[in-house]
Amino acid sequence: MVYVALIVTVLFLTGQNIVKKKYEQISSSGVCFFSGMVSLFAMLMFAAVNRNWSFEAGLLFPAFLFGVSYACATVGFLLSIKYGSLANSSLVLAYSLLIPTVYGLIFLDEPIGVTLIIGLFLVALSLWLINHQKTGERITWKWVVFVLIGFFGNGMCSAVQKAAAISYGDEKINLIMVLALGMSSAMMFVASPLMREREIASVTVKKGWYLALACGLMNGVCNLLVIFMNTRLPASVMFPVLSGGNLVTVFLYSVLVLKERFSLKQYVGFFAGVVSVVILNL
């Protein structure tokens, strides 16, 4: 069941990327509002499956941390691509998997083996080979600030969720996610007018609601499966596998469906990603 969960999670991570790409083709604006709708639909999914509504004040802390981290990841990434290149921003955020990996190694005393070291190296190499591009753009301090906000926000989402799943177990984690995604959605809706999206909010709803629904449901399923795997797989293995697996499926989709052409360096990166997933599961 763990391996089935890994495969489904990787496929739905890829599905979210495809849906977001589709939204970008429809509208280049309203990203904060769209992200808020995605979080809202994901929250409703967790609310539908939750069976324990026994609230306690202690749940607010991990929920708040996850909600803030998710919002930082979203806003940080959006602003980083505003002040820098998409390729460089995507590459930096891809390495945020190191945060939950290090958390598992240090705080959960997860073992460090030869296969883990080799697997992590191959994941890092694969991400660099496939995503790295020479843009010729000058790096600005604004880009550095916002990409770091996105980096730590994205990584902390996974680390906080892992810690909450271990601390509260299946009894409370769904309620924590309801609270967290609700907070995140509220933050995105508040950020939307600050990003001057007020005028196109209605257009975002009209043209993108079904994409937000699909993305939100897939996001909800991914989070549910990650919660399921949190107590069954080491963080130092699970998150690199998910990152490497997502890299492989996105690359295959680009080649087979979109008919995109890639360089020899990127094909080597794809092969390294496949090998890393295999080694991390040994």
C-alpha atoms as a PDB file:
ATOM      1  CA  MET A   1       0.000   0.000   0.000  1.00  0.00           C
ATOM      2  CA  VAL A   2       2.878   2.375   0.691  1.00  0.00           C
ATOM      3  CA  TYR A   3       4.233   1.946  -2.840  1.00  0.00           C
ATOM      4  CA  VAL A   4       0.749   2.404  -4.317  1.00  0.00           C
ATOM      5  CA  ALA A   5       0.443   5.607  -2.274  1.00  0.00           C
ATOM      6  CA  LEU A   6       3.824   6.794  -3.586  1.00  0.00           C
ATOM      7  CA  ILE A   7       2.810   6.170  -7.207  1.00  0.00           C
ATOM      8  CA  VAL A   8      -0.580   7.882  -6.865  1.00  0.00           C
ATOM      9  CA  THR A   9       0.987  10.848  -5.060  1.00  0.00           C
ATOM     10  CA  VAL A  10       3.588  11.300  -7.796  1.00  0.00           C
ATOM     11  CA  LEU A  11       0.904  11.110 -10.512  1.00  0.00           C
ATOM     12  CA  PHE A  12      -1.294  13.657  -8.741  1.00  0.00           C
ATOM     13  CA  LEU A  13       1.664  15.979  -8.145  1.00  0.00           C
ATOM     14  CA  THR A  14       2.224  15.899 -11.896  1.00  0.00           C
ATOM     15  CA  GLY A  15      -1.497  16.390 -12.486  1.00  0.00           C
ATOM     16  CA  GLN A  16      -1.425  19.566 -10.419  1.00  0.00           C
ATOM     17  CA  ASN A  17       1.441  20.921 -12.519  1.00  0.00           C
ATOM     18  CA  ILE A  18      -0.510  20.179 -15.701  1.00  0.00           C
ATOM     19  CA  VAL A  19      -3.641  21.910 -14.369  1.00  0.00           C
ATOM     20  CA  LYS A  20      -1.644  24.973 -13.254  1.00  0.00           C
ATOM     21  CA  LYS A  21      -0.035  25.135 -16.696  1.00  0.00           C
ATOM     22  CA  LYS A  22      -3.520  25.026 -18.221  1.00  0.00           C
ATOM     23  CA  TYR A  23      -4.614  27.918 -16.006  1.00  0.00           C
ATOM     24  CA  GLU A  24      -1.575  29.960 -17.060  1.00  0.00           C
ATOM     25  CA  GLN A  25      -2.673  29.477 -20.684  1.00  0.00           C
ATOM     26  CA  ILE A  26      -6.138  30.807 -19.846  1.00  0.00           C
ATOM     27  CA  SER A  27      -5.076  33.712 -17.607  1.00  0.00           C
ATOM     28  CA  SER A  28      -1.695  35.115 -16.657  1.00  0.00           C
ATOM     29  CA  SER A  29      -3.212  37.048 -13.734  1.00  0.00           C
ATOM     30  CA  GLY A  30      -5.196  36.218 -10.625  1.00  0.00           C
ATOM     31  CA  VAL A  31      -2.696  33.645  -9.396  1.00  0.00           C
ATOM     32  CA  CYS A  32      -3.184  34.475  -5.693  1.00  0.00           C
ATOM     33  CA  PHE A  33      -6.957  34.230  -6.009  1.00  0.00           C
ATOM     34  CA  PHE A  34      -6.648  30.982  -7.968  1.00  0.00           C
ATOM     35  CA  SER A  35      -4.303  29.570  -5.300  1.00  0.00           C
ATOM     36  CA  GLY A  36      -6.826  30.572  -2.649  1.00  0.00           C
ATOM     37  CA  MET A  37      -9.537  28.614  -4.454  1.00  0.00           C
ATOM     38  CA  VAL A  38      -7.237  25.582  -4.720  1.00  0.00           C
ATOM     39  CA  SER A  39      -6.596  25.695  -0.964  1.00  0.00           C
ATOM     40  CA  LEU A  40     -10.315  26.113  -0.302  1.00  0.00           C
ATOM     41  CA  PHE A  41     -11.266  23.026  -2.342  1.00  0.00           C
ATOM     42  CA  ALA A  42      -8.494  21.009  -0.688  1.00  0.00           C
ATOM     43  CA  MET A  43      -9.795  22.131   2.707  1.00  0.00           C
ATOM     44  CA  LEU A  44     -13.339  21.037   1.804  1.00  0.00           C
ATOM     45  CA  MET A  45     -12.005  17.609   0.851  1.00  0.00           C
ATOM     46  CA  PHE A  46     -10.299  17.201   4.227  1.00  0.00           C
ATOM     47  CA  ALA A  47     -13.495  18.405   5.923  1.00  0.00           C
ATOM     48  CA  ALA A  48     -15.461  15.730   4.043  1.00  0.00           C
ATOM     49  CA  VAL A  49     -13.193  12.853   5.152  1.00  0.00           C
ATOM     50  CA  ASN A  50     -12.593  14.072   8.710  1.00  0.00           C
ATOM     51  CA  ARG A  51     -14.426  12.088  11.395  1.00  0.00           C
ATOM     52  CA  ASN A  52     -13.022  13.701  14.528  1.00  0.00           C
ATOM     53  CA  TRP A  53     -14.125  17.275  15.141  1.00  0.00           C
ATOM     54  CA  SER A  54     -12.940  17.387  18.742  1.00  0.00           C
ATOM     55  CA  PHE A  55     -11.078  20.711  18.792  1.00  0.00           C
ATOM     56  CA  GLU A  56      -8.273  21.633  21.149  1.00  0.00           C
ATOM     57  CA  ALA A  57      -6.238  24.819  21.237  1.00  0.00           C
ATOM     58  CA  GLY A  58      -2.965  22.962  20.684  1.00  0.00           C
ATOM     59  CA  LEU A  59      -4.002  22.150  17.119  1.00  0.00           C
ATOM     60  CA  LEU A  60      -3.823  25.800  16.130  1.00  0.00           C
ATOM     61  CA  PHE A  61      -0.029  25.951  16.359  1.00  0.00           C
ATOM     62  CA  PRO A  62       0.843  23.298  13.716  1.00  0.00           C
ATOM     63  CA  ALA A  63      -2.122  24.450  11.614  1.00  0.00           C
ATOM     64  CA  PHE A  64      -0.872  28.034  11.698  1.00  0.00           C
ATOM     65  CA  LEU A  65       2.689  26.960  10.854  1.00  0.00           C
ATOM     66  CA  PHE A  66       1.497  24.919   7.866  1.00  0.00           C
ATOM     67  CA  GLY A  67      -0.873  27.657   6.674  1.00  0.00           C
ATOM     68  CA  VAL A  68       1.828  30.342   6.849  1.00  0.00           C
ATOM     69  CA  SER A  69       4.393  28.040   5.219  1.00  0.00           C
ATOM     70  CA  TYR A  70       2.025  27.221   2.371  1.00  0.00           C
ATOM     71  CA  ALA A  71       1.225  30.898   1.817  1.00  0.00           C
ATOM     72  CA  CYS A  72       4.929  31.823   1.911  1.00  0.00           C
ATOM     73  CA  ALA A  73       5.722  29.076  -0.597  1.00  0.00           C
ATOM     74  CA  THR A  74       3.051  30.342  -2.995  1.00  0.00           C
ATOM     75  CA  VAL A  75       3.660  34.082  -2.655  1.00  0.00           C
ATOM     76  CA  GLY A  76       7.433  33.691  -2.533  1.00  0.00           C
ATOM     77  CA  PHE A  77       7.476  31.674  -5.749  1.00  0.00           C
ATOM     78  CA  LEU A  78       5.142  34.078  -7.568  1.00  0.00           C
ATOM     79  CA  LEU A  79       7.213  37.119  -6.615  1.00  0.00           C
ATOM     80  CA  SER A  80      10.506  35.353  -7.352  1.00  0.00           C
ATOM     81  CA  ILE A  81       9.461  34.741 -10.953  1.00  0.00           C
ATOM     82  CA  LYS A  82       8.374  38.388 -11.152  1.00  0.00           C
ATOM     83  CA  TYR A  83      11.879  39.597 -10.252  1.00  0.00           C
ATOM     84  CA  GLY A  84      13.877  36.732 -11.795  1.00  0.00           C
ATOM     85  CA  SER A  85      13.724  33.831 -14.203  1.00  0.00           C
ATOM     86  CA  LEU A  86      11.201  31.004 -13.924  1.00  0.00           C
ATOM     87  CA  ALA A  87      13.936  28.401 -14.505  1.00  0.00           C
ATOM     88  CA  ASN A  88      16.173  29.604 -11.669  1.00  0.00           C
ATOM     89  CA  SER A  89      13.253  30.036  -9.261  1.00  0.00           C
ATOM     90  CA  SER A  90      11.917  26.546 -10.036  1.00  0.00           C
ATOM     91  CA  LEU A  91      15.349  25.027  -9.529  1.00  0.00           C
ATOM     92  CA  VAL A  92      15.847  26.650  -6.113  1.00  0.00           C
ATOM     93  CA  LEU A  93      12.364  25.632  -4.919  1.00  0.00           C
ATOM     94  CA  ALA A  94      12.922  22.071  -6.128  1.00  0.00           C
ATOM     95  CA  TYR A  95      15.785  21.758  -3.635  1.00  0.00           C
ATOM     96  CA  SER A  96      13.433  22.615  -0.750  1.00  0.00           C
ATOM     97  CA  LEU A  97      12.992  18.836  -0.332  1.00  0.00           C
ATOM     98  CA  LEU A  98      16.242  19.032   1.641  1.00  0.00           C
ATOM     99  CA  ILE A  99      14.405  20.663   4.563  1.00  0.00           C
ATOM    100  CA  PRO A 100      12.092  17.723   5.466  1.00  0.00           C
ATOM    101  CA  THR A 101      14.946  15.345   4.633  1.00  0.00           C
ATOM    102  CA  VAL A 102      17.300  17.053   7.096  1.00  0.00           C
ATOM    103  CA  TYR A 103      14.466  17.239   9.645  1.00  0.00           C
ATOM    104  CA  GLY A 104      14.055  13.465   9.467  1.00  0.00           C
ATOM    105  CA  LEU A 105      17.787  12.827   9.793  1.00  0.00           C
ATOM    106  CA  ILE A 106      18.366  15.193  12.722  1.00  0.00           C
ATOM    107  CA  PHE A 107      15.168  15.212  14.775  1.00  0.00           C
ATOM    108  CA  LEU A 108      13.775  11.751  14.008  1.00  0.00           C
ATOM    109  CA  ASP A 109      17.145   9.979  14.093  1.00  0.00           C
ATOM    110  CA  GLU A 110      16.569   8.354  10.717  1.00  0.00           C
ATOM    111  CA  PRO A 111      19.535   6.244   9.554  1.00  0.00           C
ATOM    112  CA  ILE A 112      22.003   7.561   6.990  1.00  0.00           C
ATOM    113  CA  GLY A 113      23.033   4.764   4.653  1.00  0.00           C
ATOM    114  CA  VAL A 114      25.088   4.594   1.475  1.00  0.00           C
ATOM    115  CA  THR A 115      21.963   4.211  -0.693  1.00  0.00           C
ATOM    116  CA  LEU A 116      20.428   7.336   0.881  1.00  0.00           C
ATOM    117  CA  ILE A 117      23.535   9.416   0.162  1.00  0.00           C
ATOM    118  CA  ILE A 118      23.777   8.176  -3.423  1.00  0.00           C
ATOM    119  CA  GLY A 119      20.032   8.627  -3.962  1.00  0.00           C
ATOM    120  CA  LEU A 120      20.022  12.191  -2.637  1.00  0.00           C
ATOM    121  CA  PHE A 121      23.016  13.077  -4.790  1.00  0.00           C
ATOM    122  CA  LEU A 122      21.306  11.697  -7.911  1.00  0.00           C
ATOM    123  CA  VAL A 123      18.070  13.577  -7.136  1.00  0.00           C
ATOM    124  CA  ALA A 124      20.004  16.844  -6.711  1.00  0.00           C
ATOM    125  CA  LEU A 125      21.989  16.174  -9.890  1.00  0.00           C
ATOM    126  CA  SER A 126      18.846  15.287 -11.826  1.00  0.00           C
ATOM    127  CA  LEU A 127      17.048  18.457 -10.750  1.00  0.00           C
ATOM    128  CA  TRP A 128      20.017  20.587 -11.781  1.00  0.00           C
ATOM    129  CA  LEU A 129      20.560  18.908 -15.156  1.00  0.00           C
ATOM    130  CA  ILE A 130      16.910  19.163 -16.187  1.00  0.00           C
ATOM    131  CA  ASN A 131      16.042  22.601 -14.814  1.00  0.00           C
ATOM    132  CA  HIS A 132      19.257  24.619 -15.002  1.00  0.00           C
ATOM    133  CA  GLN A 133      19.330  27.173 -17.775  1.00  0.00           C
ATOM    134  CA  LYS A 134      21.720  30.010 -18.539  1.00  0.00           C
ATOM    135  CA  THR A 135      19.326  32.936 -18.560  1.00  0.00           C
ATOM    136  CA  GLY A 136      21.869  35.739 -18.673  1.00  0.00           C
ATOM    137  CA  GLU A 137      19.767  37.682 -16.167  1.00  0.00           C
ATOM    138  CA  ARG A 138      21.364  39.641 -13.362  1.00  0.00           C
ATOM    139  CA  ILE A 139      20.404  38.325  -9.938  1.00  0.00           C
ATOM    140  CA  THR A 140      18.751  41.044  -7.832  1.00  0.00           C
ATOM    141  CA  TRP A 141      18.358  41.221  -4.050  1.00  0.00           C
ATOM    142  CA  LYS A 142      14.566  41.149  -4.452  1.00  0.00           C
ATOM    143  CA  TRP A 143      14.774  37.824  -6.280  1.00  0.00           C
ATOM    144  CA  VAL A 144      17.060  36.395  -3.580  1.00  0.00           C
ATOM    145  CA  VAL A 145      14.677  37.465  -0.787  1.00  0.00           C
ATOM    146  CA  PHE A 146      11.528  36.117  -2.428  1.00  0.00           C
ATOM    147  CA  VAL A 147      13.037  32.859  -3.669  1.00  0.00           C
ATOM    148  CA  LEU A 148      14.347  32.166  -0.136  1.00  0.00           C
ATOM    149  CA  ILE A 149      10.864  32.835   1.279  1.00  0.00           C
ATOM    150  CA  GLY A 150       9.450  30.349  -1.233  1.00  0.00           C
ATOM    151  CA  PHE A 151      12.246  27.858  -0.526  1.00  0.00           C
ATOM    152  CA  PHE A 152      11.757  27.790   3.253  1.00  0.00           C
ATOM    153  CA  GLY A 153       7.969  27.966   2.969  1.00  0.00           C
ATOM    154  CA  ASN A 154       7.793  24.991   0.626  1.00  0.00           C
ATOM    155  CA  GLY A 155      10.197  22.918   2.687  1.00  0.00           C
ATOM    156  CA  MET A 156       8.560  23.783   6.003  1.00  0.00           C
ATOM    157  CA  CYS A 157       5.147  22.658   4.703  1.00  0.00           C
ATOM    158  CA  SER A 158       6.440  19.097   4.438  1.00  0.00           C
ATOM    159  CA  ALA A 159       8.408  19.206   7.699  1.00  0.00           C
ATOM    160  CA  VAL A 160       5.491  20.623   9.716  1.00  0.00           C
ATOM    161  CA  GLN A 161       3.071  18.089   8.264  1.00  0.00           C
ATOM    162  CA  LYS A 162       5.474  15.248   9.106  1.00  0.00           C
ATOM    163  CA  ALA A 163       5.872  16.486  12.686  1.00  0.00           C
ATOM    164  CA  ALA A 164       2.113  16.979  13.145  1.00  0.00           C
ATOM    165  CA  ALA A 165       1.328  13.497  11.805  1.00  0.00           C
ATOM    166  CA  ILE A 166       3.765  11.918  14.264  1.00  0.00           C
ATOM    167  CA  SER A 167       2.605  14.034  17.223  1.00  0.00           C
ATOM    168  CA  TYR A 168      -1.164  13.820  16.726  1.00  0.00           C
ATOM    169  CA  GLY A 169      -1.580  10.689  14.591  1.00  0.00           C
ATOM    170  CA  ASP A 170      -4.653   9.900  12.497  1.00  0.00           C
ATOM    171  CA  GLU A 171      -7.004  11.177  15.205  1.00  0.00           C
ATOM    172  CA  LYS A 172      -6.274  14.882  14.749  1.00  0.00           C
ATOM    173  CA  ILE A 173      -4.195  15.369  11.610  1.00  0.00           C
ATOM    174  CA  ASN A 174      -7.194  15.777   9.286  1.00  0.00           C
ATOM    175  CA  LEU A 175      -8.630  18.510  11.499  1.00  0.00           C
ATOM    176  CA  ILE A 176      -5.217  20.202  11.565  1.00  0.00           C
ATOM    177  CA  MET A 177      -5.203  20.192   7.758  1.00  0.00           C
ATOM    178  CA  VAL A 178      -8.737  21.649   7.645  1.00  0.00           C
ATOM    179  CA  LEU A 179      -7.593  24.508   9.850  1.00  0.00           C
ATOM    180  CA  ALA A 180      -4.284  24.951   8.002  1.00  0.00           C
ATOM    181  CA  LEU A 181      -5.764  24.999   4.499  1.00  0.00           C
ATOM    182  CA  GLY A 182      -8.525  27.334   5.679  1.00  0.00           C
ATOM    183  CA  MET A 183      -5.915  29.747   7.041  1.00  0.00           C
ATOM    184  CA  SER A 184      -3.872  29.459   3.854  1.00  0.00           C
ATOM    185  CA  SER A 185      -6.918  30.106   1.687  1.00  0.00           C
ATOM    186  CA  ALA A 186      -7.805  33.192   3.740  1.00  0.00           C
ATOM    187  CA  MET A 187      -4.238  34.485   3.413  1.00  0.00           C
ATOM    188  CA  MET A 188      -4.337  34.052  -0.366  1.00  0.00           C
ATOM    189  CA  PHE A 189      -7.685  35.850  -0.663  1.00  0.00           C
ATOM    190  CA  VAL A 190      -6.323  38.728   1.443  1.00  0.00           C
ATOM    191  CA  ALA A 191      -3.132  38.834  -0.646  1.00  0.00           C
ATOM    192  CA  SER A 192      -5.116  38.937  -3.902  1.00  0.00           C
ATOM    193  CA  PRO A 193      -6.224  42.611  -3.731  1.00  0.00           C
ATOM    194  CA  LEU A 194      -2.775  43.547  -2.405  1.00  0.00           C
ATOM    195  CA  MET A 195      -1.403  42.045  -5.628  1.00  0.00           C
ATOM    196  CA  ARG A 196      -3.927  44.216  -7.536  1.00  0.00           C
ATOM    197  CA  GLU A 197      -6.048  41.261  -8.608  1.00  0.00           C
ATOM    198  CA  ARG A 198      -9.372  42.768  -7.519  1.00  0.00           C
ATOM    199  CA  GLU A 199     -10.532  43.594 -11.035  1.00  0.00           C
ATOM    200  CA  ILE A 200      -9.876  40.136 -12.474  1.00  0.00           C
ATOM    201  CA  ALA A 201     -11.130  38.062  -9.495  1.00  0.00           C
ATOM    202  CA  SER A 202     -14.495  37.459 -11.166  1.00  0.00           C
ATOM    203  CA  VAL A 203     -12.745  36.410 -14.374  1.00  0.00           C
ATOM    204  CA  THR A 204     -10.564  33.998 -12.390  1.00  0.00           C
ATOM    205  CA  VAL A 205     -13.649  32.390 -10.851  1.00  0.00           C
ATOM    206  CA  LYS A 206     -15.526  32.188 -14.148  1.00  0.00           C
ATOM    207  CA  LYS A 207     -12.672  30.771 -16.227  1.00  0.00           C
ATOM    208  CA  GLY A 208     -10.684  28.884 -13.630  1.00  0.00           C
ATOM    209  CA  TRP A 209     -13.096  27.430 -11.048  1.00  0.00           C
ATOM    210  CA  TYR A 210     -13.076  23.928 -12.579  1.00  0.00           C
ATOM    211  CA  LEU A 211      -9.279  23.947 -12.803  1.00  0.00           C
ATOM    212  CA  ALA A 212      -9.052  25.094  -9.182  1.00  0.00           C
ATOM    213  CA  LEU A 213     -11.468  22.301  -8.215  1.00  0.00           C
ATOM    214  CA  ALA A 214      -9.388  19.655 -10.017  1.00  0.00           C
ATOM    215  CA  CYS A 215      -6.135  21.010  -8.601  1.00  0.00           C
ATOM    216  CA  GLY A 216      -7.599  21.302  -5.093  1.00  0.00           C
ATOM    217  CA  LEU A 217      -8.902  17.723  -5.109  1.00  0.00           C
ATOM    218  CA  MET A 218      -5.566  16.380  -6.332  1.00  0.00           C
ATOM    219  CA  ASN A 219      -3.775  18.488  -3.725  1.00  0.00           C
ATOM    220  CA  GLY A 220      -6.077  17.082  -1.060  1.00  0.00           C
ATOM    221  CA  VAL A 221      -5.439  13.496  -2.165  1.00  0.00           C
ATOM    222  CA  CYS A 222      -1.672  14.112  -2.212  1.00  0.00           C
ATOM    223  CA  ASN A 223      -1.753  15.498   1.319  1.00  0.00           C
ATOM    224  CA  LEU A 224      -3.901  12.603   2.548  1.00  0.00           C
ATOM    225  CA  LEU A 225      -1.483  10.078   1.074  1.00  0.00           C
ATOM    226  CA  VAL A 226       1.567  11.913   2.447  1.00  0.00           C
ATOM    227  CA  ILE A 227      -0.068  11.820   5.884  1.00  0.00           C
ATOM    228  CA  PHE A 228      -0.617   8.069   5.416  1.00  0.00           C
ATOM    229  CA  MET A 229       3.047   7.583   4.464  1.00  0.00           C
ATOM    230  CA  ASN A 230       4.443   9.909   7.143  1.00  0.00           C
ATOM    231  CA  THR A 231       4.304   7.230   9.829  1.00  0.00           C
ATOM    232  CA  ARG A 232       5.370   4.436   7.478  1.00  0.00           C
ATOM    233  CA  LEU A 233       8.332   5.893   5.571  1.00  0.00           C
ATOM    234  CA  PRO A 234      11.376   7.899   6.705  1.00  0.00           C
ATOM    235  CA  ALA A 235      11.212  11.545   5.645  1.00  0.00           C
ATOM    236  CA  SER A 236      14.741  11.200   4.272  1.00  0.00           C
ATOM    237  CA  VAL A 237      13.426   8.620   1.783  1.00  0.00           C
ATOM    238  CA  MET A 238       9.839   9.688   1.087  1.00  0.00           C
ATOM    239  CA  PHE A 239      10.397  13.306   0.040  1.00  0.00           C
ATOM    240  CA  PRO A 240      13.360  12.645  -2.289  1.00  0.00           C
ATOM    241  CA  VAL A 241      11.370   9.793  -3.903  1.00  0.00           C
ATOM    242  CA  LEU A 242       8.363  12.060  -4.404  1.00  0.00           C
ATOM    243  CA  SER A 243      10.560  14.804  -5.862  1.00  0.00           C
ATOM    244  CA  GLY A 244      12.449  12.425  -8.145  1.00  0.00           C
ATOM    245  CA  GLY A 245       9.268  10.615  -9.167  1.00  0.00           C
ATOM    246  CA  ASN A 246       7.503  13.874  -9.977  1.00  0.00           C
ATOM    247  CA  LEU A 247      10.506  14.948 -12.019  1.00  0.00           C
ATOM    248  CA  VAL A 248      10.342  11.709 -14.033  1.00  0.00           C
ATOM    249  CA  THR A 249       6.587  11.864 -14.716  1.00  0.00           C
ATOM    250  CA  VAL A 250       6.678  15.544 -15.714  1.00  0.00           C
ATOM    251  CA  PHE A 251       9.553  14.818 -18.082  1.00  0.00           C
ATOM    252  CA  LEU A 252       7.698  11.854 -19.626  1.00  0.00           C
ATOM    253  CA  TYR A 253       4.538  13.949 -20.043  1.00  0.00           C
ATOM    254  CA  SER A 254       6.538  16.691 -21.749  1.00  0.00           C
ATOM    255  CA  VAL A 255       8.164  14.244 -24.173  1.00  0.00           C
ATOM    256  CA  LEU A 256       5.234  11.916 -24.930  1.00  0.00           C
ATOM    257  CA  VAL A 257       2.250  14.283 -24.758  1.00  0.00           C
ATOM    258  CA  LEU A 258       3.581  17.768 -25.399  1.00  0.00           C
ATOM    259  CA  LYS A 259       6.213  16.493 -27.865  1.00  0.00           C
ATOM    260  CA  GLU A 260       8.843  18.779 -26.404  1.00  0.00           C
ATOM    261  CA  ARG A 261      12.496  18.345 -27.329  1.00  0.00           C
ATOM    262  CA  PHE A 262      15.258  18.301 -24.757  1.00  0.00           C
ATOM    263  CA  SER A 263      19.022  18.492 -24.705  1.00  0.00           C
ATOM    264  CA  LEU A 264      21.370  15.594 -24.021  1.00  0.00           C
ATOM    265  CA  LYS A 265      22.051  17.098 -20.568  1.00  0.00           C
ATOM    266  CA  GLN A 266      18.334  16.971 -19.743  1.00  0.00           C
ATOM    267  CA  TYR A 267      18.018  13.351 -20.892  1.00  0.00           C
ATOM    268  CA  VAL A 268      20.956  12.459 -18.644  1.00  0.00           C
ATOM    269  CA  GLY A 269      19.129  14.258 -15.829  1.00  0.00           C
ATOM    270  CA  PHE A 270      15.990  12.215 -16.512  1.00  0.00           C
ATOM    271  CA  PHE A 271      17.978   8.973 -16.341  1.00  0.00           C
ATOM    272  CA  ALA A 272      19.610  10.107 -13.082  1.00  0.00           C
ATOM    273  CA  GLY A 273      16.120  10.795 -11.683  1.00  0.00           C
ATOM    274  CA  VAL A 274      14.938   7.280 -12.551  1.00  0.00           C
ATOM    275  CA  VAL A 275      18.006   5.714 -10.953  1.00  0.00           C
ATOM    276  CA  SER A 276      17.610   7.868  -7.819  1.00  0.00           C
ATOM    277  CA  VAL A 277      14.028   6.672  -7.272  1.00  0.00           C
ATOM    278  CA  VAL A 278      15.145   3.040  -7.610  1.00  0.00           C
ATOM    279  CA  ILE A 279      18.111   3.435  -5.260  1.00  0.00           C
ATOM    280  CA  LEU A 280      16.107   5.279  -2.595  1.00  0.00           C
ATOM    281  CA  ASN A 281      13.675   2.357  -2.491  1.00  0.00           C
ATOM    282  CA  LEU A 282      16.365  -0.316  -2.000  1.00  0.00           C
END
